[in-house]
């Protein structure tokens, strides 16, 4: 089984910059004017998951809360520090996680759509 997390957005380029530029993910594919939608697939080649962001003439209606999270597990302490330093260098502030587990095990940030992501160090601890 493979996983695709799909989200409609009005901010596709800022999301590409966020996920590719800050998390070192890459564009795996894209499409244009497919039944009125443009989109992009973002992830890491060879993995069984990716993110899909789409735009269309219809505006998205999002209501993210503080526990709607995408969690990215760093493979090492060096990777954790590299990723969190990218956010720091671009002046993207850490936000306090609602769940105490994520406050202890990682750092939380907000993407351009207002959804939160966690860079977790739990994988290697």
PDB file of N, CA and C in Angstrom:
ATOM      1  N   UNK A   1       0.839  -1.169   0.000  1.00  0.00           N
ATOM      2  CA  UNK A   1       0.000   0.000   0.000  1.00  0.00           C
ATOM      3  C   UNK A   1       0.888   1.237   0.000  1.00  0.00           C
ATOM      4  N   UNK A   2       0.454   2.246  -0.711  1.00  0.00           N
ATOM      5  CA  UNK A   2       1.144   3.530  -0.739  1.00  0.00           C
ATOM      6  C   UNK A   2       0.238   4.587  -0.142  1.00  0.00           C
ATOM      7  N   UNK A   3       0.815   5.691   0.275  1.00  0.00           N
ATOM      8  CA  UNK A   3       0.061   6.773   0.894  1.00  0.00           C
ATOM      9  C   UNK A   3       0.257   8.059   0.113  1.00  0.00           C
ATOM     10  N   UNK A   4      -0.838   8.724  -0.183  1.00  0.00           N
ATOM     11  CA  UNK A   4      -0.804  10.074  -0.737  1.00  0.00           C
ATOM     12  C   UNK A   4      -1.666  10.936   0.178  1.00  0.00           C
ATOM     13  N   UNK A   5      -1.104  12.026   0.659  1.00  0.00           N
ATOM     14  CA  UNK A   5      -1.854  13.006   1.425  1.00  0.00           C
ATOM     15  C   UNK A   5      -2.122  14.160   0.470  1.00  0.00           C
ATOM     16  N   UNK A   6      -3.398  14.400   0.161  1.00  0.00           N
ATOM     17  CA  UNK A   6      -3.767  15.413  -0.827  1.00  0.00           C
ATOM     18  C   UNK A   6      -4.466  16.577  -0.135  1.00  0.00           C
ATOM     19  N   UNK A   7      -4.124  17.783  -0.575  1.00  0.00           N
ATOM     20  CA  UNK A   7      -4.757  18.978  -0.014  1.00  0.00           C
ATOM     21  C   UNK A   7      -4.943  20.012  -1.116  1.00  0.00           C
ATOM     22  N   UNK A   8      -6.114  20.591  -1.153  1.00  0.00           N
ATOM     23  CA  UNK A   8      -6.414  21.700  -2.049  1.00  0.00           C
ATOM     24  C   UNK A   8      -5.901  22.980  -1.392  1.00  0.00           C
ATOM     25  N   UNK A   9      -5.359  23.882  -2.194  1.00  0.00           N
ATOM     26  CA  UNK A   9      -4.736  25.080  -1.637  1.00  0.00           C
ATOM     27  C   UNK A   9      -4.929  26.280  -2.555  1.00  0.00           C
ATOM     28  N   UNK A  10      -4.695  27.439  -2.019  1.00  0.00           N
ATOM     29  CA  UNK A  10      -4.599  28.664  -2.813  1.00  0.00           C
ATOM     30  C   UNK A  10      -3.151  29.155  -2.834  1.00  0.00           C
ATOM     31  N   UNK A  11      -2.256  28.378  -2.234  1.00  0.00           N
ATOM     32  CA  UNK A  11      -0.860  28.804  -2.042  1.00  0.00           C
ATOM     33  C   UNK A  11       0.125  27.748  -2.540  1.00  0.00           C
ATOM     34  N   UNK A  12      -0.024  27.309  -3.767  1.00  0.00           N
ATOM     35  CA  UNK A  12       0.788  26.171  -4.213  1.00  0.00           C
ATOM     36  C   UNK A  12       2.284  26.488  -4.246  1.00  0.00           C
ATOM     37  N   UNK A  13       2.688  27.642  -4.763  1.00  0.00           N
ATOM     38  CA  UNK A  13       4.119  27.940  -4.810  1.00  0.00           C
ATOM     39  C   UNK A  13       4.714  28.109  -3.420  1.00  0.00           C
ATOM     40  N   UNK A  14       4.056  28.826  -2.497  1.00  0.00           N
ATOM     41  CA  UNK A  14       4.605  28.871  -1.135  1.00  0.00           C
ATOM     42  C   UNK A  14       4.705  27.488  -0.482  1.00  0.00           C
ATOM     43  N   UNK A  15       3.769  26.594  -0.794  1.00  0.00           N
ATOM     44  CA  UNK A  15       3.858  25.234  -0.247  1.00  0.00           C
ATOM     45  C   UNK A  15       5.028  24.464  -0.858  1.00  0.00           C
ATOM     46  N   UNK A  16       5.246  24.642  -2.163  1.00  0.00           N
ATOM     47  CA  UNK A  16       6.408  24.012  -2.808  1.00  0.00           C
ATOM     48  C   UNK A  16       7.689  24.522  -2.155  1.00  0.00           C
ATOM     49  N   UNK A  17       7.779  25.835  -1.975  1.00  0.00           N
ATOM     50  CA  UNK A  17       8.969  26.420  -1.349  1.00  0.00           C
ATOM     51  C   UNK A  17       9.146  25.899   0.069  1.00  0.00           C
ATOM     52  N   UNK A  18       8.066  25.775   0.802  1.00  0.00           N
ATOM     53  CA  UNK A  18       8.106  25.314   2.186  1.00  0.00           C
ATOM     54  C   UNK A  18       8.577  23.863   2.271  1.00  0.00           C
ATOM     55  N   UNK A  19       7.887  22.972   1.572  1.00  0.00           N
ATOM     56  CA  UNK A  19       8.189  21.550   1.701  1.00  0.00           C
ATOM     57  C   UNK A  19       9.478  21.134   0.978  1.00  0.00           C
ATOM     58  N   UNK A  20       9.769  21.756  -0.146  1.00  0.00           N
ATOM     59  CA  UNK A  20      11.012  21.418  -0.853  1.00  0.00           C
ATOM     60  C   UNK A  20      12.195  22.199  -0.288  1.00  0.00           C
ATOM     61  N   UNK A  21      12.012  23.479  -0.057  1.00  0.00           N
ATOM     62  CA  UNK A  21      13.107  24.321   0.392  1.00  0.00           C
ATOM     63  C   UNK A  21      13.511  24.127   1.833  1.00  0.00           C
ATOM     64  N   UNK A  22      12.545  23.787   2.697  1.00  0.00           N
ATOM     65  CA  UNK A  22      12.848  23.646   4.120  1.00  0.00           C
ATOM     66  C   UNK A  22      13.039  22.199   4.553  1.00  0.00           C
ATOM     67  N   UNK A  23      12.332  21.284   3.925  1.00  0.00           N
ATOM     68  CA  UNK A  23      12.386  19.887   4.347  1.00  0.00           C
ATOM     69  C   UNK A  23      13.188  19.017   3.392  1.00  0.00           C
ATOM     70  N   UNK A  24      13.792  19.632   2.391  1.00  0.00           N
ATOM     71  CA  UNK A  24      14.625  18.911   1.428  1.00  0.00           C
ATOM     72  C   UNK A  24      13.845  17.840   0.664  1.00  0.00           C
ATOM     73  N   UNK A  25      12.538  18.019   0.510  1.00  0.00           N
ATOM     74  CA  UNK A  25      11.745  17.126  -0.327  1.00  0.00           C
ATOM     75  C   UNK A  25      11.882  17.597  -1.765  1.00  0.00           C
ATOM     76  N   UNK A  26      11.394  16.812  -2.714  1.00  0.00           N
ATOM     77  CA  UNK A  26      11.529  17.186  -4.114  1.00  0.00           C
ATOM     78  C   UNK A  26      10.203  17.021  -4.841  1.00  0.00           C
ATOM     79  N   UNK A  27      10.084  17.727  -5.947  1.00  0.00           N
ATOM     80  CA  UNK A  27       8.905  17.577  -6.797  1.00  0.00           C
ATOM     81  C   UNK A  27       9.052  16.260  -7.544  1.00  0.00           C
ATOM     82  N   UNK A  28       8.086  15.380  -7.345  1.00  0.00           N
ATOM     83  CA  UNK A  28       8.097  14.070  -7.992  1.00  0.00           C
ATOM     84  C   UNK A  28       7.317  14.075  -9.301  1.00  0.00           C
ATOM     85  N   UNK A  29       6.432  15.033  -9.448  1.00  0.00           N
ATOM     86  CA  UNK A  29       5.624  15.141 -10.655  1.00  0.00           C
ATOM     87  C   UNK A  29       4.665  16.304 -10.511  1.00  0.00           C
ATOM     88  N   UNK A  30       4.037  16.644 -11.605  1.00  0.00           N
ATOM     89  CA  UNK A  30       3.051  17.723 -11.585  1.00  0.00           C
ATOM     90  C   UNK A  30       2.103  17.558 -12.755  1.00  0.00           C
ATOM     91  N   UNK A  31       0.976  18.237 -12.674  1.00  0.00           N
ATOM     92  CA  UNK A  31       0.006  18.199 -13.766  1.00  0.00           C
ATOM     93  C   UNK A  31      -0.644  19.567 -13.893  1.00  0.00           C
ATOM     94  N   UNK A  32      -1.145  19.840 -15.106  1.00  0.00           N
ATOM     95  CA  UNK A  32      -1.741  21.138 -15.399  1.00  0.00           C
ATOM     96  C   UNK A  32      -3.060  20.930 -16.127  1.00  0.00           C
ATOM     97  N   UNK A  33      -4.067  21.693 -15.708  1.00  0.00           N
ATOM     98  CA  UNK A  33      -5.395  21.703 -16.321  1.00  0.00           C
ATOM     99  C   UNK A  33      -5.970  20.298 -16.484  1.00  0.00           C
ATOM    100  N   UNK A  34      -5.883  19.530 -15.424  1.00  0.00           N
ATOM    101  CA  UNK A  34      -6.514  18.204 -15.407  1.00  0.00           C
ATOM    102  C   UNK A  34      -7.899  18.375 -14.802  1.00  0.00           C
ATOM    103  N   UNK A  35      -8.911  18.457 -15.670  1.00  0.00           N
ATOM    104  CA  UNK A  35     -10.291  18.708 -15.232  1.00  0.00           C
ATOM    105  C   UNK A  35     -10.394  19.957 -14.357  1.00  0.00           C
ATOM    106  N   UNK A  36      -9.629  20.998 -14.710  1.00  0.00           N
ATOM    107  CA  UNK A  36      -9.679  22.268 -13.991  1.00  0.00           C
ATOM    108  C   UNK A  36      -8.722  22.380 -12.818  1.00  0.00           C
ATOM    109  N   UNK A  37      -7.899  21.372 -12.623  1.00  0.00           N
ATOM    110  CA  UNK A  37      -6.953  21.371 -11.510  1.00  0.00           C
ATOM    111  C   UNK A  37      -5.512  21.375 -12.013  1.00  0.00           C
ATOM    112  N   UNK A  38      -4.663  22.107 -11.299  1.00  0.00           N
ATOM    113  CA  UNK A  38      -3.218  22.007 -11.429  1.00  0.00           C
ATOM    114  C   UNK A  38      -2.721  21.398 -10.126  1.00  0.00           C
ATOM    115  N   UNK A  39      -1.620  20.669 -10.205  1.00  0.00           N
ATOM    116  CA  UNK A  39      -1.137  20.058  -8.977  1.00  0.00           C
ATOM    117  C   UNK A  39       0.306  19.660  -9.033  1.00  0.00           C
ATOM    118  N   UNK A  40       0.814  19.316  -7.865  1.00  0.00           N
ATOM    119  CA  UNK A  40       2.201  18.915  -7.715  1.00  0.00           C
ATOM    120  C   UNK A  40       2.277  17.780  -6.695  1.00  0.00           C
ATOM    121  N   UNK A  41       3.185  16.834  -6.939  1.00  0.00           N
ATOM    122  CA  UNK A  41       3.469  15.747  -6.016  1.00  0.00           C
ATOM    123  C   UNK A  41       4.839  16.010  -5.407  1.00  0.00           C
ATOM    124  N   UNK A  42       4.928  15.965  -4.093  1.00  0.00           N
ATOM    125  CA  UNK A  42       6.167  16.277  -3.376  1.00  0.00           C
ATOM    126  C   UNK A  42       6.495  15.130  -2.431  1.00  0.00           C
ATOM    127  N   UNK A  43       7.761  14.751  -2.385  1.00  0.00           N
ATOM    128  CA  UNK A  43       8.195  13.700  -1.464  1.00  0.00           C
ATOM    129  C   UNK A  43       9.652  13.375  -1.689  1.00  0.00           C
ATOM    130  N   UNK A  44       9.995  12.136  -1.438  1.00  0.00           N
ATOM    131  CA  UNK A  44      11.336  11.613  -1.700  1.00  0.00           C
ATOM    132  C   UNK A  44      11.210  10.421  -2.632  1.00  0.00           C
ATOM    133  N   UNK A  45      12.001  10.397  -3.678  1.00  0.00           N
ATOM    134  CA  UNK A  45      11.955   9.282  -4.628  1.00  0.00           C
ATOM    135  C   UNK A  45      12.214   7.954  -3.914  1.00  0.00           C
ATOM    136  N   UNK A  46      11.498   6.936  -4.348  1.00  0.00           N
ATOM    137  CA  UNK A  46      11.679   5.605  -3.796  1.00  0.00           C
ATOM    138  C   UNK A  46      10.899   5.331  -2.521  1.00  0.00           C
ATOM    139  N   UNK A  47      10.186   6.311  -2.026  1.00  0.00           N
ATOM    140  CA  UNK A  47       9.379   6.122  -0.828  1.00  0.00           C
ATOM    141  C   UNK A  47       7.947   5.747  -1.212  1.00  0.00           C
ATOM    142  N   UNK A  48       7.214   5.193  -0.283  1.00  0.00           N
ATOM    143  CA  UNK A  48       5.833   4.779  -0.541  1.00  0.00           C
ATOM    144  C   UNK A  48       4.818   5.818  -0.090  1.00  0.00           C
ATOM    145  N   UNK A  49       5.199   7.076  -0.096  1.00  0.00           N
ATOM    146  CA  UNK A  49       4.297   8.150   0.291  1.00  0.00           C
ATOM    147  C   UNK A  49       4.669   9.413  -0.477  1.00  0.00           C
ATOM    148  N   UNK A  50       3.733  10.330  -0.589  1.00  0.00           N
ATOM    149  CA  UNK A  50       4.014  11.668  -1.089  1.00  0.00           C
ATOM    150  C   UNK A  50       2.857  12.597  -0.745  1.00  0.00           C
ATOM    151  N   UNK A  51       3.126  13.871  -0.852  1.00  0.00           N
ATOM    152  CA  UNK A  51       2.121  14.905  -0.649  1.00  0.00           C
ATOM    153  C   UNK A  51       1.666  15.390  -2.016  1.00  0.00           C
ATOM    154  N   UNK A  52       0.381  15.704  -2.130  1.00  0.00           N
ATOM    155  CA  UNK A  52      -0.155  16.290  -3.354  1.00  0.00           C
ATOM    156  C   UNK A  52      -0.847  17.594  -2.978  1.00  0.00           C
ATOM    157  N   UNK A  53      -0.509  18.657  -3.679  1.00  0.00           N
ATOM    158  CA  UNK A  53      -1.188  19.931  -3.493  1.00  0.00           C
ATOM    159  C   UNK A  53      -1.822  20.316  -4.819  1.00  0.00           C
ATOM    160  N   UNK A  54      -3.087  20.728  -4.769  1.00  0.00           N
ATOM    161  CA  UNK A  54      -3.804  21.110  -5.981  1.00  0.00           C
ATOM    162  C   UNK A  54      -4.375  22.512  -5.838  1.00  0.00           C
ATOM    163  N   UNK A  55      -4.543  23.166  -6.991  1.00  0.00           N
ATOM    164  CA  UNK A  55      -5.226  24.457  -7.077  1.00  0.00           C
ATOM    165  C   UNK A  55      -6.269  24.365  -8.183  1.00  0.00           C
ATOM    166  N   UNK A  56      -7.334  25.133  -8.019  1.00  0.00           N
ATOM    167  CA  UNK A  56      -8.379  25.227  -9.035  1.00  0.00           C
ATOM    168  C   UNK A  56      -9.082  26.565  -8.861  1.00  0.00           C
ATOM    169  N   UNK A  57     -10.116  26.778  -9.645  1.00  0.00           N
ATOM    170  CA  UNK A  57     -10.886  28.010  -9.526  1.00  0.00           C
ATOM    171  C   UNK A  57     -11.696  28.054  -8.233  1.00  0.00           C
ATOM    172  N   UNK A  58     -11.898  26.911  -7.624  1.00  0.00           N
ATOM    173  CA  UNK A  58     -12.649  26.841  -6.377  1.00  0.00           C
ATOM    174  C   UNK A  58     -11.706  27.062  -5.203  1.00  0.00           C
ATOM    175  N   UNK A  59     -12.057  27.998  -4.352  1.00  0.00           N
ATOM    176  CA  UNK A  59     -11.209  28.303  -3.199  1.00  0.00           C
ATOM    177  C   UNK A  59     -11.307  27.197  -2.156  1.00  0.00           C
ATOM    178  N   UNK A  60     -10.172  26.830  -1.546  1.00  0.00           N
ATOM    179  CA  UNK A  60     -10.214  25.832  -0.486  1.00  0.00           C
ATOM    180  C   UNK A  60     -10.867  26.401   0.770  1.00  0.00           C
ATOM    181  N   UNK A  61     -11.444  25.518   1.545  1.00  0.00           N
ATOM    182  CA  UNK A  61     -12.018  25.897   2.838  1.00  0.00           C
ATOM    183  C   UNK A  61     -11.338  25.024   3.888  1.00  0.00           C
ATOM    184  N   UNK A  62     -10.388  25.616   4.606  1.00  0.00           N
ATOM    185  CA  UNK A  62      -9.612  24.872   5.598  1.00  0.00           C
ATOM    186  C   UNK A  62      -9.939  25.364   6.993  1.00  0.00           C
ATOM    187  N   UNK A  63      -9.945  24.425   7.895  1.00  0.00           N
ATOM    188  CA  UNK A  63     -10.099  24.765   9.303  1.00  0.00           C
ATOM    189  C   UNK A  63      -9.141  23.909  10.123  1.00  0.00           C
ATOM    190  N   UNK A  64      -7.834  24.077   9.903  1.00  0.00           N
ATOM    191  CA  UNK A  64      -6.889  23.254  10.656  1.00  0.00           C
ATOM    192  C   UNK A  64      -6.927  23.613  12.133  1.00  0.00           C
ATOM    193  N   UNK A  65      -6.764  22.610  12.969  1.00  0.00           N
ATOM    194  CA  UNK A  65      -6.589  22.909  14.386  1.00  0.00           C
ATOM    195  C   UNK A  65      -5.171  22.522  14.791  1.00  0.00           C
ATOM    196  N   UNK A  66      -4.844  22.747  16.036  1.00  0.00           N
ATOM    197  CA  UNK A  66      -3.459  22.563  16.483  1.00  0.00           C
ATOM    198  C   UNK A  66      -3.014  21.110  16.528  1.00  0.00           C
ATOM    199  N   UNK A  67      -3.932  20.180  16.378  1.00  0.00           N
ATOM    200  CA  UNK A  67      -3.563  18.768  16.373  1.00  0.00           C
ATOM    201  C   UNK A  67      -3.662  18.131  14.992  1.00  0.00           C
ATOM    202  N   UNK A  68      -3.893  18.927  13.946  1.00  0.00           N
ATOM    203  CA  UNK A  68      -3.786  18.447  12.568  1.00  0.00           C
ATOM    204  C   UNK A  68      -2.317  18.572  12.188  1.00  0.00           C
ATOM    205  N   UNK A  69      -1.618  17.440  12.165  1.00  0.00           N
ATOM    206  CA  UNK A  69      -0.162  17.466  12.005  1.00  0.00           C
ATOM    207  C   UNK A  69       0.308  16.539  10.904  1.00  0.00           C
ATOM    208  N   UNK A  70       1.329  16.957  10.194  1.00  0.00           N
ATOM    209  CA  UNK A  70       2.171  16.055   9.427  1.00  0.00           C
ATOM    210  C   UNK A  70       3.449  15.938  10.244  1.00  0.00           C
ATOM    211  N   UNK A  71       3.866  14.719  10.532  1.00  0.00           N
ATOM    212  CA  UNK A  71       5.053  14.500  11.355  1.00  0.00           C
ATOM    213  C   UNK A  71       6.142  13.896  10.484  1.00  0.00           C
ATOM    214  N   UNK A  72       7.277  14.555  10.471  1.00  0.00           N
ATOM    215  CA  UNK A  72       8.440  14.096   9.720  1.00  0.00           C
ATOM    216  C   UNK A  72       9.487  13.657  10.737  1.00  0.00           C
ATOM    217  N   UNK A  73       9.882  12.385  10.684  1.00  0.00           N
ATOM    218  CA  UNK A  73      10.832  11.826  11.629  1.00  0.00           C
ATOM    219  C   UNK A  73      12.248  11.955  11.077  1.00  0.00           C
ATOM    220  N   UNK A  74      13.067  12.729  11.764  1.00  0.00           N
ATOM    221  CA  UNK A  74      14.475  12.843  11.386  1.00  0.00           C
ATOM    222  C   UNK A  74      15.157  11.509  11.633  1.00  0.00           C
ATOM    223  N   UNK A  75      16.051  11.135  10.729  1.00  0.00           N
ATOM    224  CA  UNK A  75      16.774   9.864  10.843  1.00  0.00           C
ATOM    225  C   UNK A  75      17.929   9.932  11.833  1.00  0.00           C
ATOM    226  N   UNK A  76      18.385  11.155  12.147  1.00  0.00           N
ATOM    227  CA  UNK A  76      19.533  11.307  13.045  1.00  0.00           C
ATOM    228  C   UNK A  76      19.457  12.679  13.712  1.00  0.00           C
ATOM    229  N   UNK A  77      20.272  12.845  14.733  1.00  0.00           N
ATOM    230  CA  UNK A  77      20.341  14.143  15.391  1.00  0.00           C
ATOM    231  C   UNK A  77      20.855  15.200  14.416  1.00  0.00           C
ATOM    232  N   UNK A  78      21.800  14.835  13.571  1.00  0.00           N
ATOM    233  CA  UNK A  78      22.336  15.779  12.579  1.00  0.00           C
ATOM    234  C   UNK A  78      21.237  16.229  11.618  1.00  0.00           C
ATOM    235  N   UNK A  79      20.400  15.296  11.146  1.00  0.00           N
ATOM    236  CA  UNK A  79      19.317  15.679  10.252  1.00  0.00           C
ATOM    237  C   UNK A  79      18.302  16.558  10.968  1.00  0.00           C
ATOM    238  N   UNK A  80      17.982  16.233  12.214  1.00  0.00           N
ATOM    239  CA  UNK A  80      17.055  17.057  12.999  1.00  0.00           C
ATOM    240  C   UNK A  80      17.567  18.492  13.089  1.00  0.00           C
ATOM    241  N   UNK A  81      18.837  18.649  13.434  1.00  0.00           N
ATOM    242  CA  UNK A  81      19.406  19.995  13.564  1.00  0.00           C
ATOM    243  C   UNK A  81      19.489  20.702  12.214  1.00  0.00           C
ATOM    244  N   UNK A  82      19.813  19.984  11.158  1.00  0.00           N
ATOM    245  CA  UNK A  82      19.838  20.574   9.811  1.00  0.00           C
ATOM    246  C   UNK A  82      18.460  21.114   9.441  1.00  0.00           C
ATOM    247  N   UNK A  83      17.428  20.305   9.635  1.00  0.00           N
ATOM    248  CA  UNK A  83      16.075  20.720   9.253  1.00  0.00           C
ATOM    249  C   UNK A  83      15.590  21.885  10.093  1.00  0.00           C
ATOM    250  N   UNK A  84      15.762  21.812  11.407  1.00  0.00           N
ATOM    251  CA  UNK A  84      15.277  22.906  12.258  1.00  0.00           C
ATOM    252  C   UNK A  84      16.084  24.186  12.033  1.00  0.00           C
ATOM    253  N   UNK A  85      17.342  24.040  11.678  1.00  0.00           N
ATOM    254  CA  UNK A  85      18.161  25.224  11.361  1.00  0.00           C
ATOM    255  C   UNK A  85      17.646  25.911  10.094  1.00  0.00           C
ATOM    256  N   UNK A  86      17.132  25.131   9.148  1.00  0.00           N
ATOM    257  CA  UNK A  86      16.572  25.718   7.919  1.00  0.00           C
ATOM    258  C   UNK A  86      15.413  26.667   8.269  1.00  0.00           C
ATOM    259  N   UNK A  87      14.564  26.247   9.190  1.00  0.00           N
ATOM    260  CA  UNK A  87      13.442  27.094   9.614  1.00  0.00           C
ATOM    261  C   UNK A  87      13.965  28.352  10.303  1.00  0.00           C
ATOM    262  N   UNK A  88      14.922  28.167  11.191  1.00  0.00           N
ATOM    263  CA  UNK A  88      15.513  29.301  11.906  1.00  0.00           C
ATOM    264  C   UNK A  88      16.132  30.299  10.925  1.00  0.00           C
ATOM    265  N   UNK A  89      16.885  29.801   9.950  1.00  0.00           N
ATOM    266  CA  UNK A  89      17.559  30.672   8.987  1.00  0.00           C
ATOM    267  C   UNK A  89      16.594  31.449   8.108  1.00  0.00           C
ATOM    268  N   UNK A  90      15.392  30.945   7.937  1.00  0.00           N
ATOM    269  CA  UNK A  90      14.389  31.645   7.120  1.00  0.00           C
ATOM    270  C   UNK A  90      13.363  32.377   7.977  1.00  0.00           C
ATOM    271  N   UNK A  91      13.685  32.517   9.258  1.00  0.00           N
ATOM    272  CA  UNK A  91      12.837  33.262  10.191  1.00  0.00           C
ATOM    273  C   UNK A  91      11.414  32.713  10.272  1.00  0.00           C
ATOM    274  N   UNK A  92      11.293  31.399  10.207  1.00  0.00           N
ATOM    275  CA  UNK A  92       9.988  30.761  10.388  1.00  0.00           C
ATOM    276  C   UNK A  92       9.940  30.292  11.839  1.00  0.00           C
ATOM    277  N   UNK A  93       9.057  30.892  12.624  1.00  0.00           N
ATOM    278  CA  UNK A  93       9.083  30.612  14.057  1.00  0.00           C
ATOM    279  C   UNK A  93       8.529  29.234  14.401  1.00  0.00           C
ATOM    280  N   UNK A  94       9.102  28.664  15.427  1.00  0.00           N
ATOM    281  CA  UNK A  94       8.552  27.457  16.015  1.00  0.00           C
ATOM    282  C   UNK A  94       7.284  27.861  16.765  1.00  0.00           C
ATOM    283  N   UNK A  95       6.261  27.018  16.711  1.00  0.00           N
ATOM    284  CA  UNK A  95       5.038  27.239  17.480  1.00  0.00           C
ATOM    285  C   UNK A  95       4.937  26.145  18.536  1.00  0.00           C
ATOM    286  N   UNK A  96       4.262  26.450  19.615  1.00  0.00           N
ATOM    287  CA  UNK A  96       4.133  25.466  20.685  1.00  0.00           C
ATOM    288  C   UNK A  96       3.142  24.386  20.281  1.00  0.00           C
ATOM    289  N   UNK A  97       3.583  23.157  20.351  1.00  0.00           N
ATOM    290  CA  UNK A  97       2.704  22.031  20.038  1.00  0.00           C
ATOM    291  C   UNK A  97       1.625  21.927  21.103  1.00  0.00           C
ATOM    292  N   UNK A  98       0.430  21.572  20.682  1.00  0.00           N
ATOM    293  CA  UNK A  98      -0.678  21.387  21.604  1.00  0.00           C
ATOM    294  C   UNK A  98      -0.469  20.133  22.453  1.00  0.00           C
ATOM    295  N   UNK A  99       0.035  19.085  21.826  1.00  0.00           N
ATOM    296  CA  UNK A  99       0.262  17.811  22.495  1.00  0.00           C
ATOM    297  C   UNK A  99       1.638  17.836  23.178  1.00  0.00           C
ATOM    298  N   UNK A 100       1.689  17.586  24.488  1.00  0.00           N
ATOM    299  CA  UNK A 100       2.981  17.628  25.194  1.00  0.00           C
ATOM    300  C   UNK A 100       4.026  16.670  24.626  1.00  0.00           C
ATOM    301  N   UNK A 101       3.580  15.564  24.032  1.00  0.00           N
ATOM    302  CA  UNK A 101       4.528  14.619  23.447  1.00  0.00           C
ATOM    303  C   UNK A 101       5.368  15.297  22.373  1.00  0.00           C
ATOM    304  N   UNK A 102       4.721  16.083  21.502  1.00  0.00           N
ATOM    305  CA  UNK A 102       5.462  16.736  20.417  1.00  0.00           C
ATOM    306  C   UNK A 102       6.307  17.886  20.928  1.00  0.00           C
ATOM    307  N   UNK A 103       5.917  18.514  22.045  1.00  0.00           N
ATOM    308  CA  UNK A 103       6.779  19.541  22.645  1.00  0.00           C
ATOM    309  C   UNK A 103       8.089  18.919  23.111  1.00  0.00           C
ATOM    310  N   UNK A 104       8.019  17.681  23.606  1.00  0.00           N
ATOM    311  CA  UNK A 104       9.207  16.989  24.100  1.00  0.00           C
ATOM    312  C   UNK A 104      10.019  16.355  22.974  1.00  0.00           C
ATOM    313  N   UNK A 105       9.353  15.835  21.963  1.00  0.00           N
ATOM    314  CA  UNK A 105      10.009  15.006  20.947  1.00  0.00           C
ATOM    315  C   UNK A 105      10.312  15.721  19.637  1.00  0.00           C
ATOM    316  N   UNK A 106      10.032  17.021  19.533  1.00  0.00           N
ATOM    317  CA  UNK A 106      10.303  17.670  18.269  1.00  0.00           C
ATOM    318  C   UNK A 106      10.090  19.160  18.303  1.00  0.00           C
ATOM    319  N   UNK A 107      10.016  19.716  17.124  1.00  0.00           N
ATOM    320  CA  UNK A 107       9.725  21.138  16.946  1.00  0.00           C
ATOM    321  C   UNK A 107       8.579  21.249  15.949  1.00  0.00           C
ATOM    322  N   UNK A 108       7.684  22.179  16.211  1.00  0.00           N
ATOM    323  CA  UNK A 108       6.470  22.338  15.424  1.00  0.00           C
ATOM    324  C   UNK A 108       6.493  23.682  14.703  1.00  0.00           C
ATOM    325  N   UNK A 109       6.048  23.650  13.439  1.00  0.00           N
ATOM    326  CA  UNK A 109       5.993  24.841  12.599  1.00  0.00           C
ATOM    327  C   UNK A 109       4.665  24.858  11.863  1.00  0.00           C
ATOM    328  N   UNK A 110       4.332  25.986  11.265  1.00  0.00           N
ATOM    329  CA  UNK A 110       3.087  26.128  10.521  1.00  0.00           C
ATOM    330  C   UNK A 110       3.395  26.343   9.048  1.00  0.00           C
ATOM    331  N   UNK A 111       2.717  25.581   8.174  1.00  0.00           N
ATOM    332  CA  UNK A 111       2.948  25.739   6.729  1.00  0.00           C
ATOM    333  C   UNK A 111       2.109  26.897   6.185  1.00  0.00           C
ATOM    334  N   UNK A 112       2.274  27.273   4.919  1.00  0.00           N
ATOM    335  CA  UNK A 112       1.571  28.428   4.360  1.00  0.00           C
ATOM    336  C   UNK A 112       0.045  28.326   4.369  1.00  0.00           C
ATOM    337  N   UNK A 113      -0.509  27.126   4.523  1.00  0.00           N
ATOM    338  CA  UNK A 113      -1.961  26.970   4.621  1.00  0.00           C
ATOM    339  C   UNK A 113      -2.455  27.014   6.065  1.00  0.00           C
ATOM    340  N   UNK A 114      -1.549  27.134   7.019  1.00  0.00           N
ATOM    341  CA  UNK A 114      -1.944  27.165   8.424  1.00  0.00           C
ATOM    342  C   UNK A 114      -1.955  25.803   9.101  1.00  0.00           C
ATOM    343  N   UNK A 115      -1.528  24.761   8.381  1.00  0.00           N
ATOM    344  CA  UNK A 115      -1.431  23.432   8.972  1.00  0.00           C
ATOM    345  C   UNK A 115      -0.065  23.283   9.631  1.00  0.00           C
ATOM    346  N   UNK A 116      -0.042  22.522  10.694  1.00  0.00           N
ATOM    347  CA  UNK A 116       1.199  22.340  11.433  1.00  0.00           C
ATOM    348  C   UNK A 116       1.946  21.097  10.976  1.00  0.00           C
ATOM    349  N   UNK A 117       3.265  21.204  11.074  1.00  0.00           N
ATOM    350  CA  UNK A 117       4.137  20.055  10.848  1.00  0.00           C
ATOM    351  C   UNK A 117       5.049  19.932  12.061  1.00  0.00           C
ATOM    352  N   UNK A 118       5.490  18.723  12.307  1.00  0.00           N
ATOM    353  CA  UNK A 118       6.444  18.464  13.381  1.00  0.00           C
ATOM    354  C   UNK A 118       7.689  17.850  12.766  1.00  0.00           C
ATOM    355  N   UNK A 119       8.848  18.365  13.159  1.00  0.00           N
ATOM    356  CA  UNK A 119      10.111  17.699  12.874  1.00  0.00           C
ATOM    357  C   UNK A 119      10.437  16.944  14.158  1.00  0.00           C
ATOM    358  N   UNK A 120      10.366  15.634  14.082  1.00  0.00           N
ATOM    359  CA  UNK A 120      10.501  14.816  15.288  1.00  0.00           C
ATOM    360  C   UNK A 120      11.870  14.172  15.384  1.00  0.00           C
ATOM    361  N   UNK A 121      12.360  14.141  16.608  1.00  0.00           N
ATOM    362  CA  UNK A 121      13.604  13.423  16.894  1.00  0.00           C
ATOM    363  C   UNK A 121      13.325  12.088  17.544  1.00  0.00           C
ATOM    364  N   UNK A 122      12.055  11.700  17.640  1.00  0.00           N
ATOM    365  CA  UNK A 122      11.675  10.467  18.328  1.00  0.00           C
ATOM    366  C   UNK A 122      12.210   9.219  17.629  1.00  0.00           C
ATOM    367  N   UNK A 123      12.435   9.289  16.330  1.00  0.00           N
ATOM    368  CA  UNK A 123      12.856   8.136  15.569  1.00  0.00           C
ATOM    369  C   UNK A 123      14.245   7.627  15.974  1.00  0.00           C
ATOM    370  N   UNK A 124      15.121   8.547  16.348  1.00  0.00           N
ATOM    371  CA  UNK A 124      16.489   8.124  16.632  1.00  0.00           C
ATOM    372  C   UNK A 124      16.822   8.162  18.123  1.00  0.00           C
ATOM    373  N   UNK A 125      15.938   8.618  18.953  1.00  0.00           N
ATOM    374  CA  UNK A 125      16.226   8.676  20.404  1.00  0.00           C
ATOM    375  C   UNK A 125      16.093   7.302  21.030  1.00  0.00           C
TER     376      UNK A 125
END
